[in-house]
Amino acid sequence: MLYYDPKDLRKFGNITEWSEELGTKFFDYYGKVFEEGALTAREKSLIALAVAHTEQCPYCIDSYTMDGLQRGVTKEEMMEAVHVGAAIKSGATLVSSVMMMNKVNKLDG
């Protein structure tokens, strides 16, 4: 299991301490990504929650669960988004098996 302390999420902003320029650029980018655009902030929050699960990031899961709730996302919408992420993750794993099958077929041929 991944090391996890919920209090560490509050320290996320501290990543600029050891690399101010890159940390600042990351937060500028991160902030820009989550601005309203073609997708609403609510939609982006759901996407982030699904990705957080596929990446198995407990900090992101906590953060985007709370963010989604604050944006009016329902528990049913959250779970559906997680299932979408899981389906894509498992599909990507399975479609990669084509490479294995190609290799075996080539060696058998």
PDB file of N, CA and C in Angstrom:
ATOM      1  N   MET A   1       0.842  -1.183   0.000  1.00  0.00           N
ATOM      2  CA  MET A   1       0.000   0.000   0.000  1.00  0.00           C
ATOM      3  C   MET A   1       0.888   1.248   0.000  1.00  0.00           C
ATOM      4  N   LEU A   2       0.462   2.208  -0.739  1.00  0.00           N
ATOM      5  CA  LEU A   2       1.173   3.467  -0.852  1.00  0.00           C
ATOM      6  C   LEU A   2       1.146   4.218   0.476  1.00  0.00           C
ATOM      7  N   TYR A   3       2.281   4.792   0.869  1.00  0.00           N
ATOM      8  CA  TYR A   3       2.336   5.645   2.052  1.00  0.00           C
ATOM      9  C   TYR A   3       1.334   6.779   1.858  1.00  0.00           C
ATOM     10  N   TYR A   4       0.578   7.070   2.902  1.00  0.00           N
ATOM     11  CA  TYR A   4      -0.427   8.125   2.780  1.00  0.00           C
ATOM     12  C   TYR A   4      -0.709   8.731   4.135  1.00  0.00           C
ATOM     13  N   ASP A   5      -0.587  10.038   4.222  1.00  0.00           N
ATOM     14  CA  ASP A   5      -0.969  10.791   5.408  1.00  0.00           C
ATOM     15  C   ASP A   5      -1.822  11.957   4.920  1.00  0.00           C
ATOM     16  N   PRO A   6      -3.115  11.969   5.244  1.00  0.00           N
ATOM     17  CA  PRO A   6      -4.005  13.027   4.741  1.00  0.00           C
ATOM     18  C   PRO A   6      -3.494  14.434   5.029  1.00  0.00           C
ATOM     19  N   LYS A   7      -2.738  14.607   6.102  1.00  0.00           N
ATOM     20  CA  LYS A   7      -2.216  15.944   6.430  1.00  0.00           C
ATOM     21  C   LYS A   7      -1.204  16.428   5.385  1.00  0.00           C
ATOM     22  N   ASP A   8      -0.594  15.492   4.671  1.00  0.00           N
ATOM     23  CA  ASP A   8       0.398  15.869   3.670  1.00  0.00           C
ATOM     24  C   ASP A   8      -0.214  16.614   2.487  1.00  0.00           C
ATOM     25  N   LEU A   9      -1.498  16.409   2.224  1.00  0.00           N
ATOM     26  CA  LEU A   9      -2.137  17.109   1.113  1.00  0.00           C
ATOM     27  C   LEU A   9      -2.037  18.621   1.296  1.00  0.00           C
ATOM     28  N   ARG A  10      -2.115  19.074   2.539  1.00  0.00           N
ATOM     29  CA  ARG A  10      -1.991  20.519   2.810  1.00  0.00           C
ATOM     30  C   ARG A  10      -0.587  21.037   2.505  1.00  0.00           C
ATOM     31  N   LYS A  11       0.376  20.137   2.364  1.00  0.00           N
ATOM     32  CA  LYS A  11       1.763  20.527   2.096  1.00  0.00           C
ATOM     33  C   LYS A  11       2.078  20.568   0.607  1.00  0.00           C
ATOM     34  N   PHE A  12       1.092  20.292  -0.236  1.00  0.00           N
ATOM     35  CA  PHE A  12       1.320  20.217  -1.678  1.00  0.00           C
ATOM     36  C   PHE A  12       1.990  21.476  -2.213  1.00  0.00           C
ATOM     37  N   GLY A  13       1.561  22.614  -1.728  1.00  0.00           N
ATOM     38  CA  GLY A  13       2.147  23.876  -2.169  1.00  0.00           C
ATOM     39  C   GLY A  13       3.625  24.006  -1.850  1.00  0.00           C
ATOM     40  N   ASN A  14       4.107  23.193  -0.926  1.00  0.00           N
ATOM     41  CA  ASN A  14       5.513  23.252  -0.534  1.00  0.00           C
ATOM     42  C   ASN A  14       6.457  22.702  -1.592  1.00  0.00           C
ATOM     43  N   ILE A  15       5.929  22.101  -2.643  1.00  0.00           N
ATOM     44  CA  ILE A  15       6.827  21.543  -3.652  1.00  0.00           C
ATOM     45  C   ILE A  15       7.666  22.613  -4.335  1.00  0.00           C
ATOM     46  N   THR A  16       7.271  23.869  -4.190  1.00  0.00           N
ATOM     47  CA  THR A  16       8.071  24.946  -4.783  1.00  0.00           C
ATOM     48  C   THR A  16       9.332  25.236  -3.965  1.00  0.00           C
ATOM     49  N   GLU A  17       9.402  24.759  -2.736  1.00  0.00           N
ATOM     50  CA  GLU A  17      10.537  25.071  -1.859  1.00  0.00           C
ATOM     51  C   GLU A  17      11.869  24.584  -2.422  1.00  0.00           C
ATOM     52  N   TRP A  18      11.889  23.435  -3.025  1.00  0.00           N
ATOM     53  CA  TRP A  18      13.160  22.878  -3.493  1.00  0.00           C
ATOM     54  C   TRP A  18      13.403  23.127  -4.971  1.00  0.00           C
ATOM     55  N   SER A  19      12.393  23.639  -5.645  1.00  0.00           N
ATOM     56  CA  SER A  19      12.523  23.992  -7.054  1.00  0.00           C
ATOM     57  C   SER A  19      11.458  25.033  -7.369  1.00  0.00           C
ATOM     58  N   GLU A  20      11.740  26.264  -6.964  1.00  0.00           N
ATOM     59  CA  GLU A  20      10.738  27.323  -7.060  1.00  0.00           C
ATOM     60  C   GLU A  20      10.257  27.555  -8.481  1.00  0.00           C
ATOM     61  N   GLU A  21      11.184  27.641  -9.426  1.00  0.00           N
ATOM     62  CA  GLU A  21      10.792  27.938 -10.807  1.00  0.00           C
ATOM     63  C   GLU A  21       9.889  26.839 -11.376  1.00  0.00           C
ATOM     64  N   LEU A  22      10.297  25.589 -11.251  1.00  0.00           N
ATOM     65  CA  LEU A  22       9.500  24.496 -11.813  1.00  0.00           C
ATOM     66  C   LEU A  22       8.194  24.301 -11.044  1.00  0.00           C
ATOM     67  N   GLY A  23       8.250  24.430  -9.723  1.00  0.00           N
ATOM     68  CA  GLY A  23       7.032  24.303  -8.924  1.00  0.00           C
ATOM     69  C   GLY A  23       6.017  25.368  -9.288  1.00  0.00           C
ATOM     70  N   THR A  24       6.489  26.581  -9.449  1.00  0.00           N
ATOM     71  CA  THR A  24       5.605  27.688  -9.824  1.00  0.00           C
ATOM     72  C   THR A  24       5.016  27.462 -11.208  1.00  0.00           C
ATOM     73  N   LYS A  25       5.844  27.007 -12.136  1.00  0.00           N
ATOM     74  CA  LYS A  25       5.340  26.734 -13.489  1.00  0.00           C
ATOM     75  C   LYS A  25       4.293  25.631 -13.457  1.00  0.00           C
ATOM     76  N   PHE A  26       4.521  24.610 -12.631  1.00  0.00           N
ATOM     77  CA  PHE A  26       3.535  23.541 -12.518  1.00  0.00           C
ATOM     78  C   PHE A  26       2.213  24.102 -12.012  1.00  0.00           C
ATOM     79  N   PHE A  27       2.244  24.881 -10.936  1.00  0.00           N
ATOM     80  CA  PHE A  27       0.998  25.410 -10.372  1.00  0.00           C
ATOM     81  C   PHE A  27       0.307  26.385 -11.323  1.00  0.00           C
ATOM     82  N   ASP A  28       1.084  27.136 -12.104  1.00  0.00           N
ATOM     83  CA  ASP A  28       0.482  28.005 -13.123  1.00  0.00           C
ATOM     84  C   ASP A  28      -0.261  27.155 -14.152  1.00  0.00           C
ATOM     85  N   TYR A  29       0.401  26.091 -14.612  1.00  0.00           N
ATOM     86  CA  TYR A  29      -0.207  25.178 -15.583  1.00  0.00           C
ATOM     87  C   TYR A  29      -1.432  24.498 -14.988  1.00  0.00           C
ATOM     88  N   TYR A  30      -1.297  23.972 -13.786  1.00  0.00           N
ATOM     89  CA  TYR A  30      -2.380  23.265 -13.105  1.00  0.00           C
ATOM     90  C   TYR A  30      -3.601  24.163 -12.963  1.00  0.00           C
ATOM     91  N   GLY A  31      -3.368  25.386 -12.546  1.00  0.00           N
ATOM     92  CA  GLY A  31      -4.462  26.345 -12.398  1.00  0.00           C
ATOM     93  C   GLY A  31      -5.140  26.644 -13.720  1.00  0.00           C
ATOM     94  N   LYS A  32      -4.342  26.797 -14.763  1.00  0.00           N
ATOM     95  CA  LYS A  32      -4.883  27.095 -16.099  1.00  0.00           C
ATOM     96  C   LYS A  32      -5.727  25.926 -16.607  1.00  0.00           C
ATOM     97  N   VAL A  33      -5.250  24.702 -16.389  1.00  0.00           N
ATOM     98  CA  VAL A  33      -5.975  23.511 -16.846  1.00  0.00           C
ATOM     99  C   VAL A  33      -7.366  23.449 -16.236  1.00  0.00           C
ATOM    100  N   PHE A  34      -7.493  23.829 -14.972  1.00  0.00           N
ATOM    101  CA  PHE A  34      -8.778  23.690 -14.281  1.00  0.00           C
ATOM    102  C   PHE A  34      -9.675  24.917 -14.395  1.00  0.00           C
ATOM    103  N   GLU A  35      -9.270  25.919 -15.187  1.00  0.00           N
ATOM    104  CA  GLU A  35     -10.150  27.053 -15.455  1.00  0.00           C
ATOM    105  C   GLU A  35     -11.296  26.601 -16.361  1.00  0.00           C
ATOM    106  N   GLU A  36     -12.415  27.294 -16.269  1.00  0.00           N
ATOM    107  CA  GLU A  36     -13.540  27.019 -17.167  1.00  0.00           C
ATOM    108  C   GLU A  36     -13.068  27.211 -18.601  1.00  0.00           C
ATOM    109  N   GLY A  37     -13.471  26.338 -19.459  1.00  0.00           N
ATOM    110  CA  GLY A  37     -13.134  26.421 -20.881  1.00  0.00           C
ATOM    111  C   GLY A  37     -14.211  25.698 -21.655  1.00  0.00           C
ATOM    112  N   ALA A  38     -13.816  24.867 -22.598  1.00  0.00           N
ATOM    113  CA  ALA A  38     -14.779  24.046 -23.329  1.00  0.00           C
ATOM    114  C   ALA A  38     -15.469  23.087 -22.360  1.00  0.00           C
ATOM    115  N   LEU A  39     -14.761  22.707 -21.296  1.00  0.00           N
ATOM    116  CA  LEU A  39     -15.331  21.875 -20.229  1.00  0.00           C
ATOM    117  C   LEU A  39     -15.581  22.749 -19.007  1.00  0.00           C
ATOM    118  N   THR A  40     -16.643  22.436 -18.292  1.00  0.00           N
ATOM    119  CA  THR A  40     -16.927  23.166 -17.054  1.00  0.00           C
ATOM    120  C   THR A  40     -15.985  22.686 -15.953  1.00  0.00           C
ATOM    121  N   ALA A  41     -15.863  23.464 -14.908  1.00  0.00           N
ATOM    122  CA  ALA A  41     -15.060  23.062 -13.755  1.00  0.00           C
ATOM    123  C   ALA A  41     -15.609  21.776 -13.141  1.00  0.00           C
ATOM    124  N   ARG A  42     -16.907  21.625 -13.183  1.00  0.00           N
ATOM    125  CA  ARG A  42     -17.559  20.418 -12.660  1.00  0.00           C
ATOM    126  C   ARG A  42     -17.151  19.191 -13.470  1.00  0.00           C
ATOM    127  N   GLU A  43     -17.175  19.320 -14.806  1.00  0.00           N
ATOM    128  CA  GLU A  43     -16.759  18.213 -15.673  1.00  0.00           C
ATOM    129  C   GLU A  43     -15.286  17.871 -15.458  1.00  0.00           C
ATOM    130  N   LYS A  44     -14.464  18.886 -15.322  1.00  0.00           N
ATOM    131  CA  LYS A  44     -13.034  18.659 -15.094  1.00  0.00           C
ATOM    132  C   LYS A  44     -12.799  17.968 -13.759  1.00  0.00           C
ATOM    133  N   SER A  45     -13.598  18.306 -12.770  1.00  0.00           N
ATOM    134  CA  SER A  45     -13.487  17.669 -11.466  1.00  0.00           C
ATOM    135  C   SER A  45     -13.797  16.172 -11.558  1.00  0.00           C
ATOM    136  N   LEU A  46     -14.811  15.815 -12.325  1.00  0.00           N
ATOM    137  CA  LEU A  46     -15.158  14.403 -12.527  1.00  0.00           C
ATOM    138  C   LEU A  46     -14.050  13.658 -13.271  1.00  0.00           C
ATOM    139  N   ILE A  47     -13.494  14.292 -14.284  1.00  0.00           N
ATOM    140  CA  ILE A  47     -12.381  13.678 -15.013  1.00  0.00           C
ATOM    141  C   ILE A  47     -11.202  13.466 -14.066  1.00  0.00           C
ATOM    142  N   ALA A  48     -10.898  14.486 -13.277  1.00  0.00           N
ATOM    143  CA  ALA A  48      -9.787  14.385 -12.332  1.00  0.00           C
ATOM    144  C   ALA A  48     -10.019  13.259 -11.324  1.00  0.00           C
ATOM    145  N   LEU A  49     -11.246  13.106 -10.872  1.00  0.00           N
ATOM    146  CA  LEU A  49     -11.565  12.044  -9.928  1.00  0.00           C
ATOM    147  C   LEU A  49     -11.356  10.672 -10.559  1.00  0.00           C
ATOM    148  N   ALA A  50     -11.793  10.498 -11.788  1.00  0.00           N
ATOM    149  CA  ALA A  50     -11.610   9.219 -12.475  1.00  0.00           C
ATOM    150  C   ALA A  50     -10.123   8.918 -12.670  1.00  0.00           C
ATOM    151  N   VAL A  51      -9.363   9.911 -13.113  1.00  0.00           N
ATOM    152  CA  VAL A  51      -7.920   9.722 -13.309  1.00  0.00           C
ATOM    153  C   VAL A  51      -7.228   9.454 -11.974  1.00  0.00           C
ATOM    154  N   ALA A  52      -7.656  10.139 -10.932  1.00  0.00           N
ATOM    155  CA  ALA A  52      -7.076   9.912  -9.599  1.00  0.00           C
ATOM    156  C   ALA A  52      -7.193   8.451  -9.200  1.00  0.00           C
ATOM    157  N   HIS A  53      -8.320   7.845  -9.540  1.00  0.00           N
ATOM    158  CA  HIS A  53      -8.510   6.431  -9.226  1.00  0.00           C
ATOM    159  C   HIS A  53      -7.635   5.536 -10.094  1.00  0.00           C
ATOM    160  N   THR A  54      -7.533   5.827 -11.392  1.00  0.00           N
ATOM    161  CA  THR A  54      -6.704   4.980 -12.248  1.00  0.00           C
ATOM    162  C   THR A  54      -5.229   5.115 -11.885  1.00  0.00           C
ATOM    163  N   GLU A  55      -4.846   6.282 -11.383  1.00  0.00           N
ATOM    164  CA  GLU A  55      -3.461   6.495 -10.942  1.00  0.00           C
ATOM    165  C   GLU A  55      -3.251   6.061  -9.492  1.00  0.00           C
ATOM    166  N   GLN A  56      -4.342   5.737  -8.829  1.00  0.00           N
ATOM    167  CA  GLN A  56      -4.342   5.295  -7.435  1.00  0.00           C
ATOM    168  C   GLN A  56      -3.630   6.296  -6.516  1.00  0.00           C
ATOM    169  N   CYS A  57      -4.012   7.572  -6.679  1.00  0.00           N
ATOM    170  CA  CYS A  57      -3.437   8.652  -5.868  1.00  0.00           C
ATOM    171  C   CYS A  57      -4.424   9.019  -4.761  1.00  0.00           C
ATOM    172  N   PRO A  58      -4.161   8.590  -3.526  1.00  0.00           N
ATOM    173  CA  PRO A  58      -5.106   8.878  -2.453  1.00  0.00           C
ATOM    174  C   PRO A  58      -5.275  10.376  -2.192  1.00  0.00           C
ATOM    175  N   TYR A  59      -4.225  11.151  -2.402  1.00  0.00           N
ATOM    176  CA  TYR A  59      -4.325  12.599  -2.203  1.00  0.00           C
ATOM    177  C   TYR A  59      -5.300  13.203  -3.219  1.00  0.00           C
ATOM    178  N   CYS A  60      -5.179  12.770  -4.467  1.00  0.00           N
ATOM    179  CA  CYS A  60      -6.059  13.275  -5.523  1.00  0.00           C
ATOM    180  C   CYS A  60      -7.494  12.797  -5.320  1.00  0.00           C
ATOM    181  N   ILE A  61      -7.645  11.545  -4.877  1.00  0.00           N
ATOM    182  CA  ILE A  61      -8.989  11.024  -4.616  1.00  0.00           C
ATOM    183  C   ILE A  61      -9.665  11.861  -3.542  1.00  0.00           C
ATOM    184  N   ASP A  62      -8.953  12.118  -2.443  1.00  0.00           N
ATOM    185  CA  ASP A  62      -9.503  12.975  -1.387  1.00  0.00           C
ATOM    186  C   ASP A  62      -9.872  14.349  -1.933  1.00  0.00           C
ATOM    187  N   SER A  63      -8.927  14.942  -2.636  1.00  0.00           N
ATOM    188  CA  SER A  63      -9.098  16.307  -3.117  1.00  0.00           C
ATOM    189  C   SER A  63     -10.266  16.429  -4.089  1.00  0.00           C
ATOM    190  N   TYR A  64     -10.341  15.527  -5.064  1.00  0.00           N
ATOM    191  CA  TYR A  64     -11.385  15.660  -6.079  1.00  0.00           C
ATOM    192  C   TYR A  64     -12.716  15.070  -5.650  1.00  0.00           C
ATOM    193  N   THR A  65     -12.727  14.252  -4.604  1.00  0.00           N
ATOM    194  CA  THR A  65     -14.007  13.876  -4.001  1.00  0.00           C
ATOM    195  C   THR A  65     -14.619  15.111  -3.354  1.00  0.00           C
ATOM    196  N   MET A  66     -13.822  15.814  -2.563  1.00  0.00           N
ATOM    197  CA  MET A  66     -14.314  17.033  -1.905  1.00  0.00           C
ATOM    198  C   MET A  66     -14.672  18.107  -2.939  1.00  0.00           C
ATOM    199  N   ASP A  67     -13.816  18.290  -3.936  1.00  0.00           N
ATOM    200  CA  ASP A  67     -14.071  19.286  -4.970  1.00  0.00           C
ATOM    201  C   ASP A  67     -15.375  18.978  -5.694  1.00  0.00           C
ATOM    202  N   GLY A  68     -15.576  17.712  -6.042  1.00  0.00           N
ATOM    203  CA  GLY A  68     -16.803  17.317  -6.724  1.00  0.00           C
ATOM    204  C   GLY A  68     -18.036  17.575  -5.883  1.00  0.00           C
ATOM    205  N   LEU A  69     -17.972  17.204  -4.606  1.00  0.00           N
ATOM    206  CA  LEU A  69     -19.104  17.447  -3.713  1.00  0.00           C
ATOM    207  C   LEU A  69     -19.435  18.933  -3.644  1.00  0.00           C
ATOM    208  N   GLN A  70     -18.398  19.768  -3.572  1.00  0.00           N
ATOM    209  CA  GLN A  70     -18.610  21.215  -3.516  1.00  0.00           C
ATOM    210  C   GLN A  70     -19.211  21.752  -4.809  1.00  0.00           C
ATOM    211  N   ARG A  71     -19.003  21.038  -5.897  1.00  0.00           N
ATOM    212  CA  ARG A  71     -19.542  21.459  -7.198  1.00  0.00           C
ATOM    213  C   ARG A  71     -20.878  20.787  -7.510  1.00  0.00           C
ATOM    214  N   GLY A  72     -21.422  20.055  -6.546  1.00  0.00           N
ATOM    215  CA  GLY A  72     -22.726  19.438  -6.726  1.00  0.00           C
ATOM    216  C   GLY A  72     -22.713  18.103  -7.442  1.00  0.00           C
ATOM    217  N   VAL A  73     -21.547  17.489  -7.563  1.00  0.00           N
ATOM    218  CA  VAL A  73     -21.458  16.175  -8.190  1.00  0.00           C
ATOM    219  C   VAL A  73     -22.065  15.151  -7.230  1.00  0.00           C
ATOM    220  N   THR A  74     -22.899  14.280  -7.757  1.00  0.00           N
ATOM    221  CA  THR A  74     -23.550  13.277  -6.917  1.00  0.00           C
ATOM    222  C   THR A  74     -22.652  12.052  -6.746  1.00  0.00           C
ATOM    223  N   LYS A  75     -22.974  11.251  -5.740  1.00  0.00           N
ATOM    224  CA  LYS A  75     -22.194  10.026  -5.516  1.00  0.00           C
ATOM    225  C   LYS A  75     -22.352   9.072  -6.693  1.00  0.00           C
ATOM    226  N   GLU A  76     -23.526   9.074  -7.330  1.00  0.00           N
ATOM    227  CA  GLU A  76     -23.737   8.222  -8.497  1.00  0.00           C
ATOM    228  C   GLU A  76     -22.864   8.668  -9.676  1.00  0.00           C
ATOM    229  N   GLU A  77     -22.762   9.984  -9.872  1.00  0.00           N
ATOM    230  CA  GLU A  77     -21.903  10.508 -10.943  1.00  0.00           C
ATOM    231  C   GLU A  77     -20.439  10.187 -10.661  1.00  0.00           C
ATOM    232  N   MET A  78     -20.051  10.318  -9.395  1.00  0.00           N
ATOM    233  CA  MET A  78     -18.665   9.991  -9.027  1.00  0.00           C
ATOM    234  C   MET A  78     -18.348   8.537  -9.343  1.00  0.00           C
ATOM    235  N   MET A  79     -19.227   7.635  -8.919  1.00  0.00           N
ATOM    236  CA  MET A  79     -18.970   6.214  -9.136  1.00  0.00           C
ATOM    237  C   MET A  79     -18.977   5.878 -10.625  1.00  0.00           C
ATOM    238  N   GLU A  80     -19.869   6.504 -11.376  1.00  0.00           N
ATOM    239  CA  GLU A  80     -19.895   6.258 -12.820  1.00  0.00           C
ATOM    240  C   GLU A  80     -18.591   6.724 -13.462  1.00  0.00           C
ATOM    241  N   ALA A  81     -18.087   7.866 -13.040  1.00  0.00           N
ATOM    242  CA  ALA A  81     -16.812   8.370 -13.567  1.00  0.00           C
ATOM    243  C   ALA A  81     -15.671   7.414 -13.226  1.00  0.00           C
ATOM    244  N   VAL A  82     -15.678   6.883 -12.010  1.00  0.00           N
ATOM    245  CA  VAL A  82     -14.644   5.920 -11.610  1.00  0.00           C
ATOM    246  C   VAL A  82     -14.731   4.662 -12.480  1.00  0.00           C
ATOM    247  N   HIS A  83     -15.954   4.209 -12.765  1.00  0.00           N
ATOM    248  CA  HIS A  83     -16.114   3.035 -13.633  1.00  0.00           C
ATOM    249  C   HIS A  83     -15.622   3.320 -15.050  1.00  0.00           C
ATOM    250  N   VAL A  84     -15.844   4.514 -15.550  1.00  0.00           N
ATOM    251  CA  VAL A  84     -15.320   4.874 -16.870  1.00  0.00           C
ATOM    252  C   VAL A  84     -13.795   4.779 -16.851  1.00  0.00           C
ATOM    253  N   GLY A  85     -13.181   5.349 -15.831  1.00  0.00           N
ATOM    254  CA  GLY A  85     -11.721   5.274 -15.709  1.00  0.00           C
ATOM    255  C   GLY A  85     -11.233   3.838 -15.625  1.00  0.00           C
ATOM    256  N   ALA A  86     -11.927   3.027 -14.840  1.00  0.00           N
ATOM    257  CA  ALA A  86     -11.543   1.621 -14.687  1.00  0.00           C
ATOM    258  C   ALA A  86     -11.672   0.869 -16.010  1.00  0.00           C
ATOM    259  N   ALA A  87     -12.739   1.150 -16.760  1.00  0.00           N
ATOM    260  CA  ALA A  87     -12.940   0.481 -18.044  1.00  0.00           C
ATOM    261  C   ALA A  87     -11.827   0.833 -19.022  1.00  0.00           C
ATOM    262  N   ILE A  88     -11.451   2.113 -19.056  1.00  0.00           N
ATOM    263  CA  ILE A  88     -10.365   2.534 -19.951  1.00  0.00           C
ATOM    264  C   ILE A  88      -9.049   1.908 -19.523  1.00  0.00           C
ATOM    265  N   LYS A  89      -8.771   1.917 -18.222  1.00  0.00           N
ATOM    266  CA  LYS A  89      -7.525   1.335 -17.710  1.00  0.00           C
ATOM    267  C   LYS A  89      -7.454  -0.156 -18.033  1.00  0.00           C
ATOM    268  N   SER A  90      -8.542  -0.883 -17.796  1.00  0.00           N
ATOM    269  CA  SER A  90      -8.518  -2.319 -18.075  1.00  0.00           C
ATOM    270  C   SER A  90      -8.494  -2.576 -19.581  1.00  0.00           C
ATOM    271  N   GLY A  91      -9.196  -1.769 -20.340  1.00  0.00           N
ATOM    272  CA  GLY A  91      -9.164  -1.916 -21.792  1.00  0.00           C
ATOM    273  C   GLY A  91      -7.775  -1.675 -22.355  1.00  0.00           C
ATOM    274  N   ALA A  92      -7.085  -0.669 -21.826  1.00  0.00           N
ATOM    275  CA  ALA A  92      -5.717  -0.380 -22.274  1.00  0.00           C
ATOM    276  C   ALA A  92      -4.785  -1.531 -21.944  1.00  0.00           C
ATOM    277  N   THR A  93      -4.996  -2.148 -20.790  1.00  0.00           N
ATOM    278  CA  THR A  93      -4.191  -3.310 -20.417  1.00  0.00           C
ATOM    279  C   THR A  93      -4.450  -4.460 -21.383  1.00  0.00           C
ATOM    280  N   LEU A  94      -5.724  -4.723 -21.645  1.00  0.00           N
ATOM    281  CA  LEU A  94      -6.080  -5.852 -22.503  1.00  0.00           C
ATOM    282  C   LEU A  94      -5.682  -5.637 -23.960  1.00  0.00           C
ATOM    283  N   VAL A  95      -5.840  -4.434 -24.476  1.00  0.00           N
ATOM    284  CA  VAL A  95      -5.476  -4.195 -25.873  1.00  0.00           C
ATOM    285  C   VAL A  95      -3.969  -4.336 -26.061  1.00  0.00           C
ATOM    286  N   SER A  96      -3.199  -4.086 -25.006  1.00  0.00           N
ATOM    287  CA  SER A  96      -1.751  -4.281 -25.095  1.00  0.00           C
ATOM    288  C   SER A  96      -1.392  -5.745 -25.295  1.00  0.00           C
ATOM    289  N   SER A  97      -2.303  -6.656 -24.941  1.00  0.00           N
ATOM    290  CA  SER A  97      -2.028  -8.081 -25.129  1.00  0.00           C
ATOM    291  C   SER A  97      -1.895  -8.441 -26.602  1.00  0.00           C
ATOM    292  N   VAL A  98      -2.375  -7.578 -27.494  1.00  0.00           N
ATOM    293  CA  VAL A  98      -2.208  -7.821 -28.923  1.00  0.00           C
ATOM    294  C   VAL A  98      -0.727  -7.904 -29.267  1.00  0.00           C
ATOM    295  N   MET A  99       0.113  -7.094 -28.611  1.00  0.00           N
ATOM    296  CA  MET A  99       1.562  -7.162 -28.851  1.00  0.00           C
ATOM    297  C   MET A  99       2.101  -8.537 -28.475  1.00  0.00           C
ATOM    298  N   MET A 100       1.647  -9.067 -27.331  1.00  0.00           N
ATOM    299  CA  MET A 100       2.056 -10.391 -26.889  1.00  0.00           C
ATOM    300  C   MET A 100       1.601 -11.434 -27.909  1.00  0.00           C
ATOM    301  N   MET A 101       0.355 -11.326 -28.331  1.00  0.00           N
ATOM    302  CA  MET A 101      -0.189 -12.291 -29.280  1.00  0.00           C
ATOM    303  C   MET A 101       0.581 -12.239 -30.603  1.00  0.00           C
ATOM    304  N   ASN A 102       0.894 -11.024 -31.061  1.00  0.00           N
ATOM    305  CA  ASN A 102       1.679 -10.879 -32.287  1.00  0.00           C
ATOM    306  C   ASN A 102       3.044 -11.543 -32.146  1.00  0.00           C
ATOM    307  N   LYS A 103       3.684 -11.347 -31.002  1.00  0.00           N
ATOM    308  CA  LYS A 103       5.007 -11.920 -30.762  1.00  0.00           C
ATOM    309  C   LYS A 103       4.939 -13.444 -30.766  1.00  0.00           C
ATOM    310  N   VAL A 104       3.967 -13.990 -30.031  1.00  0.00           N
ATOM    311  CA  VAL A 104       3.817 -15.442 -29.977  1.00  0.00           C
ATOM    312  C   VAL A 104       3.514 -16.009 -31.355  1.00  0.00           C
ATOM    313  N   ASN A 105       2.615 -15.367 -32.086  1.00  0.00           N
ATOM    314  CA  ASN A 105       2.274 -15.824 -33.434  1.00  0.00           C
ATOM    315  C   ASN A 105       3.480 -15.770 -34.366  1.00  0.00           C
ATOM    316  N   LYS A 106       4.301 -14.741 -34.225  1.00  0.00           N
ATOM    317  CA  LYS A 106       5.501 -14.609 -35.054  1.00  0.00           C
ATOM    318  C   LYS A 106       6.491 -15.731 -34.728  1.00  0.00           C
ATOM    319  N   LEU A 107       6.663 -16.021 -33.435  1.00  0.00           N
ATOM    320  CA  LEU A 107       7.584 -17.089 -33.036  1.00  0.00           C
ATOM    321  C   LEU A 107       7.064 -18.472 -33.420  1.00  0.00           C
ATOM    322  N   ASP A 108       5.744 -18.628 -33.401  1.00  0.00           N
ATOM    323  CA  ASP A 108       5.144 -19.915 -33.778  1.00  0.00           C
ATOM    324  C   ASP A 108       5.172 -20.127 -35.298  1.00  0.00           C
ATOM    325  N   GLY A 109       5.173 -18.995 -36.024  1.00  0.00           N
ATOM    326  CA  GLY A 109       5.022 -19.051 -37.485  1.00  0.00           C
ATOM    327  C   GLY A 109       6.214 -19.488 -38.176  1.00  0.00           C
TER     328      GLY A 109
END
